């Protein structure tokens, strides 16, 4: 079990997807450029089968902002967006209403 202190270590923030590109080395991955208001980050996400680029541009998402960067198939990912999944596929988690970019998710 994770403790509340473990959860508090995660920095969850609202970001907006401003650019989407296909990953050149993976059919299921997209490269997302995210705007956090004061800076931008690149995230590699395995959602290519479930979303078009047009559906994602302008969408606000929840980002785990303080993960150590990792290289996925040759491309650096600087965080992780949250999504839910079931037998019907994947759904990116989005705020119910527009929030200021970089807002903390509690």
PDB file of N, CA and C in Angstrom:
ATOM      1  N   UNK A   1       0.843  -1.188   0.000  1.00  0.00           N
ATOM      2  CA  UNK A   1       0.000   0.000   0.000  1.00  0.00           C
ATOM      3  C   UNK A   1       0.886   1.249   0.000  1.00  0.00           C
ATOM      4  N   UNK A   2       0.444   2.248  -0.719  1.00  0.00           N
ATOM      5  CA  UNK A   2       1.146   3.536  -0.727  1.00  0.00           C
ATOM      6  C   UNK A   2       0.583   4.395   0.399  1.00  0.00           C
ATOM      7  N   UNK A   3       1.446   5.119   1.046  1.00  0.00           N
ATOM      8  CA  UNK A   3       1.002   6.014   2.114  1.00  0.00           C
ATOM      9  C   UNK A   3       0.641   7.373   1.521  1.00  0.00           C
ATOM     10  N   UNK A   4      -0.019   8.195   2.292  1.00  0.00           N
ATOM     11  CA  UNK A   4      -0.336   9.554   1.858  1.00  0.00           C
ATOM     12  C   UNK A   4       0.946  10.330   1.602  1.00  0.00           C
ATOM     13  N   UNK A   5       1.997  10.032   2.347  1.00  0.00           N
ATOM     14  CA  UNK A   5       3.290  10.688   2.114  1.00  0.00           C
ATOM     15  C   UNK A   5       3.867  10.298   0.758  1.00  0.00           C
ATOM     16  N   UNK A   6       3.666   9.040   0.352  1.00  0.00           N
ATOM     17  CA  UNK A   6       4.095   8.624  -0.984  1.00  0.00           C
ATOM     18  C   UNK A   6       3.350   9.421  -2.048  1.00  0.00           C
ATOM     19  N   UNK A   7       2.052   9.553  -1.891  1.00  0.00           N
ATOM     20  CA  UNK A   7       1.233  10.294  -2.850  1.00  0.00           C
ATOM     21  C   UNK A   7       1.665  11.757  -2.925  1.00  0.00           C
ATOM     22  N   UNK A   8       1.974  12.353  -1.780  1.00  0.00           N
ATOM     23  CA  UNK A   8       2.363  13.760  -1.739  1.00  0.00           C
ATOM     24  C   UNK A   8       3.663  14.038  -2.486  1.00  0.00           C
ATOM     25  N   UNK A   9       4.451  13.000  -2.737  1.00  0.00           N
ATOM     26  CA  UNK A   9       5.699  13.183  -3.475  1.00  0.00           C
ATOM     27  C   UNK A   9       5.452  13.488  -4.948  1.00  0.00           C
ATOM     28  N   UNK A  10       4.290  13.094  -5.461  1.00  0.00           N
ATOM     29  CA  UNK A  10       3.969  13.332  -6.871  1.00  0.00           C
ATOM     30  C   UNK A  10       3.486  14.759  -7.068  1.00  0.00           C
ATOM     31  N   UNK A  11       4.037  15.422  -8.070  1.00  0.00           N
ATOM     32  CA  UNK A  11       3.583  16.769  -8.439  1.00  0.00           C
ATOM     33  C   UNK A  11       2.678  16.635  -9.661  1.00  0.00           C
ATOM     34  N   UNK A  12       1.370  16.718  -9.413  1.00  0.00           N
ATOM     35  CA  UNK A  12       0.384  16.634 -10.477  1.00  0.00           C
ATOM     36  C   UNK A  12      -0.002  18.048 -10.885  1.00  0.00           C
ATOM     37  N   UNK A  13       0.096  18.342 -12.187  1.00  0.00           N
ATOM     38  CA  UNK A  13      -0.186  19.690 -12.681  1.00  0.00           C
ATOM     39  C   UNK A  13      -1.033  19.622 -13.945  1.00  0.00           C
ATOM     40  N   UNK A  14      -1.775  20.709 -14.175  1.00  0.00           N
ATOM     41  CA  UNK A  14      -2.568  20.853 -15.388  1.00  0.00           C
ATOM     42  C   UNK A  14      -1.665  21.388 -16.490  1.00  0.00           C
ATOM     43  N   UNK A  15      -1.713  20.726 -17.635  1.00  0.00           N
ATOM     44  CA  UNK A  15      -0.941  21.159 -18.799  1.00  0.00           C
ATOM     45  C   UNK A  15      -1.844  21.100 -20.025  1.00  0.00           C
ATOM     46  N   UNK A  16      -1.483  21.857 -21.041  1.00  0.00           N
ATOM     47  CA  UNK A  16      -2.227  21.844 -22.298  1.00  0.00           C
ATOM     48  C   UNK A  16      -1.357  21.247 -23.395  1.00  0.00           C
ATOM     49  N   UNK A  17      -1.950  20.363 -24.170  1.00  0.00           N
ATOM     50  CA  UNK A  17      -1.231  19.769 -25.295  1.00  0.00           C
ATOM     51  C   UNK A  17      -1.201  20.790 -26.429  1.00  0.00           C
ATOM     52  N   UNK A  18       0.003  21.197 -26.825  1.00  0.00           N
ATOM     53  CA  UNK A  18       0.131  22.229 -27.864  1.00  0.00           C
ATOM     54  C   UNK A  18       0.704  21.683 -29.172  1.00  0.00           C
ATOM     55  N   UNK A  19       1.258  20.493 -29.126  1.00  0.00           N
ATOM     56  CA  UNK A  19       1.810  19.886 -30.343  1.00  0.00           C
ATOM     57  C   UNK A  19       1.805  18.373 -30.184  1.00  0.00           C
ATOM     58  N   UNK A  20       1.505  17.674 -31.279  1.00  0.00           N
ATOM     59  CA  UNK A  20       1.465  16.213 -31.259  1.00  0.00           C
ATOM     60  C   UNK A  20       2.180  15.693 -32.505  1.00  0.00           C
ATOM     61  N   UNK A  21       3.101  14.756 -32.299  1.00  0.00           N
ATOM     62  CA  UNK A  21       3.821  14.143 -33.416  1.00  0.00           C
ATOM     63  C   UNK A  21       3.866  12.637 -33.228  1.00  0.00           C
ATOM     64  N   UNK A  22       3.885  11.914 -34.354  1.00  0.00           N
ATOM     65  CA  UNK A  22       4.063  10.469 -34.307  1.00  0.00           C
ATOM     66  C   UNK A  22       5.478  10.155 -33.836  1.00  0.00           C
ATOM     67  N   UNK A  23       5.607   9.113 -33.043  1.00  0.00           N
ATOM     68  CA  UNK A  23       6.939   8.642 -32.646  1.00  0.00           C
ATOM     69  C   UNK A  23       7.534   7.923 -33.849  1.00  0.00           C
ATOM     70  N   UNK A  24       8.749   8.272 -34.240  1.00  0.00           N
ATOM     71  CA  UNK A  24       9.311   7.666 -35.444  1.00  0.00           C
ATOM     72  C   UNK A  24       9.671   6.189 -35.311  1.00  0.00           C
ATOM     73  N   UNK A  25       9.758   5.682 -34.083  1.00  0.00           N
ATOM     74  CA  UNK A  25      10.191   4.304 -33.870  1.00  0.00           C
ATOM     75  C   UNK A  25       9.159   3.426 -33.170  1.00  0.00           C
ATOM     76  N   UNK A  26       7.884   3.880 -33.118  1.00  0.00           N
ATOM     77  CA  UNK A  26       6.863   3.096 -32.416  1.00  0.00           C
ATOM     78  C   UNK A  26       5.473   3.444 -32.933  1.00  0.00           C
ATOM     79  N   UNK A  27       4.725   2.418 -33.319  1.00  0.00           N
ATOM     80  CA  UNK A  27       3.390   2.626 -33.882  1.00  0.00           C
ATOM     81  C   UNK A  27       2.347   3.065 -32.865  1.00  0.00           C
ATOM     82  N   UNK A  28       2.558   2.783 -31.576  1.00  0.00           N
ATOM     83  CA  UNK A  28       1.554   3.090 -30.559  1.00  0.00           C
ATOM     84  C   UNK A  28       1.858   4.361 -29.766  1.00  0.00           C
ATOM     85  N   UNK A  29       3.014   4.982 -30.013  1.00  0.00           N
ATOM     86  CA  UNK A  29       3.438   6.135 -29.215  1.00  0.00           C
ATOM     87  C   UNK A  29       3.269   7.448 -29.959  1.00  0.00           C
ATOM     88  N   UNK A  30       2.905   8.483 -29.197  1.00  0.00           N
ATOM     89  CA  UNK A  30       2.879   9.856 -29.686  1.00  0.00           C
ATOM     90  C   UNK A  30       3.852  10.687 -28.861  1.00  0.00           C
ATOM     91  N   UNK A  31       4.396  11.712 -29.479  1.00  0.00           N
ATOM     92  CA  UNK A  31       5.238  12.677 -28.774  1.00  0.00           C
ATOM     93  C   UNK A  31       4.401  13.933 -28.583  1.00  0.00           C
ATOM     94  N   UNK A  32       4.155  14.286 -27.323  1.00  0.00           N
ATOM     95  CA  UNK A  32       3.312  15.431 -26.978  1.00  0.00           C
ATOM     96  C   UNK A  32       4.170  16.564 -26.453  1.00  0.00           C
ATOM     97  N   UNK A  33       3.908  17.774 -26.931  1.00  0.00           N
ATOM     98  CA  UNK A  33       4.527  18.959 -26.330  1.00  0.00           C
ATOM     99  C   UNK A  33       3.452  19.588 -25.451  1.00  0.00           C
ATOM    100  N   UNK A  34       3.795  19.779 -24.180  1.00  0.00           N
ATOM    101  CA  UNK A  34       2.846  20.283 -23.189  1.00  0.00           C
ATOM    102  C   UNK A  34       3.255  21.663 -22.708  1.00  0.00           C
ATOM    103  N   UNK A  35       2.263  22.525 -22.523  1.00  0.00           N
ATOM    104  CA  UNK A  35       2.484  23.869 -21.984  1.00  0.00           C
ATOM    105  C   UNK A  35       2.004  23.886 -20.542  1.00  0.00           C
ATOM    106  N   UNK A  36       2.904  24.247 -19.633  1.00  0.00           N
ATOM    107  CA  UNK A  36       2.558  24.356 -18.212  1.00  0.00           C
ATOM    108  C   UNK A  36       2.442  25.810 -17.778  1.00  0.00           C
ATOM    109  N   UNK A  37       2.402  26.730 -18.718  1.00  0.00           N
ATOM    110  CA  UNK A  37       2.288  28.144 -18.386  1.00  0.00           C
ATOM    111  C   UNK A  37       3.634  28.815 -18.318  1.00  0.00           C
ATOM    112  N   UNK A  38       4.502  28.334 -17.454  1.00  0.00           N
ATOM    113  CA  UNK A  38       5.821  28.949 -17.279  1.00  0.00           C
ATOM    114  C   UNK A  38       6.928  28.194 -18.017  1.00  0.00           C
ATOM    115  N   UNK A  39       6.582  27.023 -18.592  1.00  0.00           N
ATOM    116  CA  UNK A  39       7.565  26.216 -19.307  1.00  0.00           C
ATOM    117  C   UNK A  39       6.843  25.166 -20.127  1.00  0.00           C
ATOM    118  N   UNK A  40       7.599  24.482 -20.946  1.00  0.00           N
ATOM    119  CA  UNK A  40       7.048  23.414 -21.766  1.00  0.00           C
ATOM    120  C   UNK A  40       7.800  22.116 -21.486  1.00  0.00           C
ATOM    121  N   UNK A  41       7.112  21.012 -21.714  1.00  0.00           N
ATOM    122  CA  UNK A  41       7.708  19.683 -21.521  1.00  0.00           C
ATOM    123  C   UNK A  41       7.306  18.786 -22.676  1.00  0.00           C
ATOM    124  N   UNK A  42       8.130  17.779 -22.904  1.00  0.00           N
ATOM    125  CA  UNK A  42       7.844  16.757 -23.901  1.00  0.00           C
ATOM    126  C   UNK A  42       7.528  15.452 -23.182  1.00  0.00           C
ATOM    127  N   UNK A  43       6.441  14.812 -23.608  1.00  0.00           N
ATOM    128  CA  UNK A  43       6.032  13.541 -23.020  1.00  0.00           C
ATOM    129  C   UNK A  43       5.750  12.553 -24.145  1.00  0.00           C
ATOM    130  N   UNK A  44       6.211  11.329 -23.978  1.00  0.00           N
ATOM    131  CA  UNK A  44       5.897  10.249 -24.904  1.00  0.00           C
ATOM    132  C   UNK A  44       4.764   9.441 -24.266  1.00  0.00           C
ATOM    133  N   UNK A  45       3.677   9.255 -25.027  1.00  0.00           N
ATOM    134  CA  UNK A  45       2.498   8.576 -24.481  1.00  0.00           C
ATOM    135  C   UNK A  45       2.006   7.491 -25.435  1.00  0.00           C
ATOM    136  N   UNK A  46       1.592   6.371 -24.880  1.00  0.00           N
ATOM    137  CA  UNK A  46       1.101   5.249 -25.668  1.00  0.00           C
ATOM    138  C   UNK A  46      -0.379   5.343 -25.970  1.00  0.00           C
ATOM    139  N   UNK A  47      -0.775   6.423 -26.640  1.00  0.00           N
ATOM    140  CA  UNK A  47      -2.201   6.671 -26.897  1.00  0.00           C
ATOM    141  C   UNK A  47      -2.519   6.840 -28.379  1.00  0.00           C
ATOM    142  N   UNK A  48      -1.562   6.553 -29.233  1.00  0.00           N
ATOM    143  CA  UNK A  48      -1.711   6.801 -30.676  1.00  0.00           C
ATOM    144  C   UNK A  48      -2.883   6.045 -31.289  1.00  0.00           C
ATOM    145  N   UNK A  49      -3.179   4.855 -30.801  1.00  0.00           N
ATOM    146  CA  UNK A  49      -4.267   4.039 -31.335  1.00  0.00           C
ATOM    147  C   UNK A  49      -5.635   4.614 -30.958  1.00  0.00           C
ATOM    148  N   UNK A  50      -5.697   5.412 -29.899  1.00  0.00           N
ATOM    149  CA  UNK A  50      -6.975   5.845 -29.346  1.00  0.00           C
ATOM    150  C   UNK A  50      -7.345   7.300 -29.644  1.00  0.00           C
ATOM    151  N   UNK A  51      -6.378   8.108 -30.051  1.00  0.00           N
ATOM    152  CA  UNK A  51      -6.628   9.531 -30.299  1.00  0.00           C
ATOM    153  C   UNK A  51      -5.981   9.969 -31.604  1.00  0.00           C
ATOM    154  N   UNK A  52      -6.661  10.886 -32.294  1.00  0.00           N
ATOM    155  CA  UNK A  52      -6.028  11.548 -33.430  1.00  0.00           C
ATOM    156  C   UNK A  52      -5.268  12.754 -32.898  1.00  0.00           C
ATOM    157  N   UNK A  53      -4.338  13.247 -33.674  1.00  0.00           N
ATOM    158  CA  UNK A  53      -3.592  14.448 -33.284  1.00  0.00           C
ATOM    159  C   UNK A  53      -4.545  15.611 -33.070  1.00  0.00           C
ATOM    160  N   UNK A  54      -5.540  15.734 -33.940  1.00  0.00           N
ATOM    161  CA  UNK A  54      -6.494  16.839 -33.856  1.00  0.00           C
ATOM    162  C   UNK A  54      -7.323  16.803 -32.579  1.00  0.00           C
ATOM    163  N   UNK A  55      -7.642  15.615 -32.103  1.00  0.00           N
ATOM    164  CA  UNK A  55      -8.404  15.480 -30.853  1.00  0.00           C
ATOM    165  C   UNK A  55      -7.594  15.944 -29.645  1.00  0.00           C
ATOM    166  N   UNK A  56      -6.291  15.812 -29.727  1.00  0.00           N
ATOM    167  CA  UNK A  56      -5.443  16.112 -28.576  1.00  0.00           C
ATOM    168  C   UNK A  56      -5.004  17.571 -28.496  1.00  0.00           C
ATOM    169  N   UNK A  57      -4.819  18.236 -29.618  1.00  0.00           N
ATOM    170  CA  UNK A  57      -4.355  19.629 -29.608  1.00  0.00           C
ATOM    171  C   UNK A  57      -5.351  20.496 -28.841  1.00  0.00           C
ATOM    172  N   UNK A  58      -4.858  21.251 -27.868  1.00  0.00           N
ATOM    173  CA  UNK A  58      -5.706  22.138 -27.074  1.00  0.00           C
ATOM    174  C   UNK A  58      -6.333  21.490 -25.859  1.00  0.00           C
ATOM    175  N   UNK A  59      -6.187  20.196 -25.709  1.00  0.00           N
ATOM    176  CA  UNK A  59      -6.783  19.477 -24.569  1.00  0.00           C
ATOM    177  C   UNK A  59      -5.932  19.702 -23.320  1.00  0.00           C
ATOM    178  N   UNK A  60      -6.600  20.013 -22.219  1.00  0.00           N
ATOM    179  CA  UNK A  60      -5.907  20.075 -20.934  1.00  0.00           C
ATOM    180  C   UNK A  60      -5.851  18.672 -20.344  1.00  0.00           C
ATOM    181  N   UNK A  61      -4.693  18.338 -19.778  1.00  0.00           N
ATOM    182  CA  UNK A  61      -4.472  17.013 -19.205  1.00  0.00           C
ATOM    183  C   UNK A  61      -3.812  17.164 -17.842  1.00  0.00           C
ATOM    184  N   UNK A  62      -3.769  16.054 -17.107  1.00  0.00           N
ATOM    185  CA  UNK A  62      -3.079  16.013 -15.823  1.00  0.00           C
ATOM    186  C   UNK A  62      -1.722  15.346 -16.052  1.00  0.00           C
ATOM    187  N   UNK A  63      -0.665  16.037 -15.655  1.00  0.00           N
ATOM    188  CA  UNK A  63       0.703  15.602 -15.865  1.00  0.00           C
ATOM    189  C   UNK A  63       1.370  15.294 -14.528  1.00  0.00           C
ATOM    190  N   UNK A  64       2.069  14.148 -14.444  1.00  0.00           N
ATOM    191  CA  UNK A  64       2.982  13.932 -13.322  1.00  0.00           C
ATOM    192  C   UNK A  64       4.261  14.651 -13.721  1.00  0.00           C
ATOM    193  N   UNK A  65       4.504  15.764 -13.053  1.00  0.00           N
ATOM    194  CA  UNK A  65       5.532  16.715 -13.476  1.00  0.00           C
ATOM    195  C   UNK A  65       6.924  16.384 -12.953  1.00  0.00           C
ATOM    196  N   UNK A  66       7.019  15.626 -11.876  1.00  0.00           N
ATOM    197  CA  UNK A  66       8.331  15.421 -11.255  1.00  0.00           C
ATOM    198  C   UNK A  66       8.868  14.002 -11.401  1.00  0.00           C
ATOM    199  N   UNK A  67       8.506  13.322 -12.463  1.00  0.00           N
ATOM    200  CA  UNK A  67       9.121  12.027 -12.746  1.00  0.00           C
ATOM    201  C   UNK A  67      10.487  12.251 -13.379  1.00  0.00           C
ATOM    202  N   UNK A  68      11.402  11.363 -13.088  1.00  0.00           N
ATOM    203  CA  UNK A  68      12.700  11.438 -13.748  1.00  0.00           C
ATOM    204  C   UNK A  68      12.499  11.197 -15.238  1.00  0.00           C
ATOM    205  N   UNK A  69      13.182  11.967 -16.087  1.00  0.00           N
ATOM    206  CA  UNK A  69      13.064  11.727 -17.534  1.00  0.00           C
ATOM    207  C   UNK A  69      13.504  10.312 -17.880  1.00  0.00           C
ATOM    208  N   UNK A  70      12.871   9.754 -18.907  1.00  0.00           N
ATOM    209  CA  UNK A  70      13.196   8.420 -19.388  1.00  0.00           C
ATOM    210  C   UNK A  70      13.205   8.476 -20.918  1.00  0.00           C
ATOM    211  N   UNK A  71      14.045   7.676 -21.531  1.00  0.00           N
ATOM    212  CA  UNK A  71      14.095   7.618 -22.986  1.00  0.00           C
ATOM    213  C   UNK A  71      13.270   6.422 -23.450  1.00  0.00           C
ATOM    214  N   UNK A  72      12.248   6.693 -24.273  1.00  0.00           N
ATOM    215  CA  UNK A  72      11.373   5.651 -24.796  1.00  0.00           C
ATOM    216  C   UNK A  72      11.584   5.526 -26.301  1.00  0.00           C
ATOM    217  N   UNK A  73      12.206   4.453 -26.698  1.00  0.00           N
ATOM    218  CA  UNK A  73      12.505   4.201 -28.110  1.00  0.00           C
ATOM    219  C   UNK A  73      13.259   5.369 -28.752  1.00  0.00           C
ATOM    220  N   UNK A  74      14.218   5.919 -28.003  1.00  0.00           N
ATOM    221  CA  UNK A  74      15.089   6.952 -28.535  1.00  0.00           C
ATOM    222  C   UNK A  74      14.622   8.377 -28.327  1.00  0.00           C
ATOM    223  N   UNK A  75      13.454   8.589 -27.720  1.00  0.00           N
ATOM    224  CA  UNK A  75      12.908   9.931 -27.486  1.00  0.00           C
ATOM    225  C   UNK A  75      12.725  10.140 -25.986  1.00  0.00           C
ATOM    226  N   UNK A  76      13.213  11.279 -25.471  1.00  0.00           N
ATOM    227  CA  UNK A  76      13.083  11.567 -24.042  1.00  0.00           C
ATOM    228  C   UNK A  76      11.655  11.957 -23.681  1.00  0.00           C
ATOM    229  N   UNK A  77      11.160  11.367 -22.599  1.00  0.00           N
ATOM    230  CA  UNK A  77       9.862  11.714 -22.030  1.00  0.00           C
ATOM    231  C   UNK A  77      10.114  12.345 -20.665  1.00  0.00           C
ATOM    232  N   UNK A  78       9.554  13.541 -20.454  1.00  0.00           N
ATOM    233  CA  UNK A  78       9.835  14.335 -19.255  1.00  0.00           C
ATOM    234  C   UNK A  78       8.677  14.359 -18.269  1.00  0.00           C
ATOM    235  N   UNK A  79       7.876  13.327 -18.261  1.00  0.00           N
ATOM    236  CA  UNK A  79       6.742  13.238 -17.356  1.00  0.00           C
ATOM    237  C   UNK A  79       5.789  12.176 -17.854  1.00  0.00           C
ATOM    238  N   UNK A  80       4.582  12.155 -17.279  1.00  0.00           N
ATOM    239  CA  UNK A  80       3.572  11.188 -17.678  1.00  0.00           C
ATOM    240  C   UNK A  80       2.201  11.830 -17.557  1.00  0.00           C
ATOM    241  N   UNK A  81       1.368  11.670 -18.598  1.00  0.00           N
ATOM    242  CA  UNK A  81      -0.010  12.133 -18.475  1.00  0.00           C
ATOM    243  C   UNK A  81      -0.847  10.992 -17.919  1.00  0.00           C
ATOM    244  N   UNK A  82      -1.876  11.334 -17.161  1.00  0.00           N
ATOM    245  CA  UNK A  82      -2.726  10.325 -16.545  1.00  0.00           C
ATOM    246  C   UNK A  82      -3.846   9.930 -17.498  1.00  0.00           C
ATOM    247  N   UNK A  83      -4.169   8.650 -17.492  1.00  0.00           N
ATOM    248  CA  UNK A  83      -5.245   8.119 -18.317  1.00  0.00           C
ATOM    249  C   UNK A  83      -5.840   6.912 -17.611  1.00  0.00           C
ATOM    250  N   UNK A  84      -7.077   6.638 -17.927  1.00  0.00           N
ATOM    251  CA  UNK A  84      -7.734   5.438 -17.438  1.00  0.00           C
ATOM    252  C   UNK A  84      -7.870   4.453 -18.584  1.00  0.00           C
ATOM    253  N   UNK A  85      -8.008   3.174 -18.242  1.00  0.00           N
ATOM    254  CA  UNK A  85      -8.177   2.179 -19.298  1.00  0.00           C
ATOM    255  C   UNK A  85      -9.124   1.083 -18.837  1.00  0.00           C
ATOM    256  N   UNK A  86      -9.844   0.545 -19.805  1.00  0.00           N
ATOM    257  CA  UNK A  86     -10.675  -0.631 -19.593  1.00  0.00           C
ATOM    258  C   UNK A  86     -10.730  -1.392 -20.911  1.00  0.00           C
ATOM    259  N   UNK A  87     -11.650  -2.333 -21.025  1.00  0.00           N
ATOM    260  CA  UNK A  87     -11.721  -3.145 -22.238  1.00  0.00           C
ATOM    261  C   UNK A  87     -12.041  -2.327 -23.493  1.00  0.00           C
ATOM    262  N   UNK A  88     -12.585  -1.132 -23.332  1.00  0.00           N
ATOM    263  CA  UNK A  88     -12.915  -0.308 -24.507  1.00  0.00           C
ATOM    264  C   UNK A  88     -11.748   0.562 -24.969  1.00  0.00           C
ATOM    265  N   UNK A  89     -10.691   0.664 -24.166  1.00  0.00           N
ATOM    266  CA  UNK A  89      -9.536   1.446 -24.580  1.00  0.00           C
ATOM    267  C   UNK A  89      -9.023   2.361 -23.494  1.00  0.00           C
ATOM    268  N   UNK A  90      -8.397   3.460 -23.931  1.00  0.00           N
ATOM    269  CA  UNK A  90      -7.753   4.417 -23.028  1.00  0.00           C
ATOM    270  C   UNK A  90      -8.459   5.760 -23.129  1.00  0.00           C
ATOM    271  N   UNK A  91      -8.619   6.432 -21.984  1.00  0.00           N
ATOM    272  CA  UNK A  91      -9.180   7.781 -21.938  1.00  0.00           C
ATOM    273  C   UNK A  91      -8.250   8.657 -21.108  1.00  0.00           C
ATOM    274  N   UNK A  92      -7.754   9.727 -21.734  1.00  0.00           N
ATOM    275  CA  UNK A  92      -6.887  10.677 -21.041  1.00  0.00           C
ATOM    276  C   UNK A  92      -7.719  11.438 -20.016  1.00  0.00           C
ATOM    277  N   UNK A  93      -7.176  11.619 -18.802  1.00  0.00           N
ATOM    278  CA  UNK A  93      -7.886  12.349 -17.758  1.00  0.00           C
ATOM    279  C   UNK A  93      -7.722  13.843 -17.976  1.00  0.00           C
ATOM    280  N   UNK A  94      -8.857  14.557 -17.970  1.00  0.00           N
ATOM    281  CA  UNK A  94      -8.874  15.994 -18.241  1.00  0.00           C
ATOM    282  C   UNK A  94      -9.668  16.707 -17.155  1.00  0.00           C
ATOM    283  N   UNK A  95      -9.279  17.945 -16.822  1.00  0.00           N
ATOM    284  CA  UNK A  95     -10.086  18.713 -15.876  1.00  0.00           C
ATOM    285  C   UNK A  95     -11.497  18.938 -16.431  1.00  0.00           C
ATOM    286  N   UNK A  96     -12.462  19.034 -15.539  1.00  0.00           N
ATOM    287  CA  UNK A  96     -13.860  19.251 -15.926  1.00  0.00           C
ATOM    288  C   UNK A  96     -14.049  20.598 -16.612  1.00  0.00           C
ATOM    289  N   UNK A  97     -13.260  21.600 -16.169  1.00  0.00           N
ATOM    290  CA  UNK A  97     -13.313  22.921 -16.789  1.00  0.00           C
ATOM    291  C   UNK A  97     -11.882  23.404 -16.990  1.00  0.00           C
ATOM    292  N   UNK A  98     -11.721  24.410 -17.846  1.00  0.00           N
ATOM    293  CA  UNK A  98     -10.388  24.958 -18.110  1.00  0.00           C
ATOM    294  C   UNK A  98      -9.812  25.541 -16.823  1.00  0.00           C
ATOM    295  N   UNK A  99      -8.558  25.215 -16.577  1.00  0.00           N
ATOM    296  CA  UNK A  99      -7.835  25.735 -15.422  1.00  0.00           C
ATOM    297  C   UNK A  99      -6.583  26.445 -15.899  1.00  0.00           C
ATOM    298  N   UNK A 100      -6.023  27.278 -15.037  1.00  0.00           N
ATOM    299  CA  UNK A 100      -4.774  27.950 -15.337  1.00  0.00           C
ATOM    300  C   UNK A 100      -3.694  26.890 -15.529  1.00  0.00           C
ATOM    301  N   UNK A 101      -2.920  27.054 -16.593  1.00  0.00           N
ATOM    302  CA  UNK A 101      -1.847  26.104 -16.866  1.00  0.00           C
ATOM    303  C   UNK A 101      -0.844  26.090 -15.712  1.00  0.00           C
ATOM    304  N   UNK A 102      -0.436  24.883 -15.348  1.00  0.00           N
ATOM    305  CA  UNK A 102       0.481  24.714 -14.224  1.00  0.00           C
ATOM    306  C   UNK A 102      -0.224  24.550 -12.887  1.00  0.00           C
ATOM    307  N   UNK A 103      -1.559  24.678 -12.874  1.00  0.00           N
ATOM    308  CA  UNK A 103      -2.299  24.518 -11.602  1.00  0.00           C
ATOM    309  C   UNK A 103      -1.985  23.170 -10.970  1.00  0.00           C
ATOM    310  N   UNK A 104      -1.902  23.155  -9.673  1.00  0.00           N
ATOM    311  CA  UNK A 104      -1.624  21.934  -8.921  1.00  0.00           C
ATOM    312  C   UNK A 104      -2.915  21.124  -8.809  1.00  0.00           C
ATOM    313  N   UNK A 105      -2.804  19.825  -9.045  1.00  0.00           N
ATOM    314  CA  UNK A 105      -3.920  18.900  -8.876  1.00  0.00           C
ATOM    315  C   UNK A 105      -3.764  18.252  -7.514  1.00  0.00           C
ATOM    316  N   UNK A 106      -4.802  18.346  -6.683  1.00  0.00           N
ATOM    317  CA  UNK A 106      -4.753  17.822  -5.318  1.00  0.00           C
ATOM    318  C   UNK A 106      -5.671  16.654  -5.150  1.00  0.00           C
TER     319      UNK A 106
END
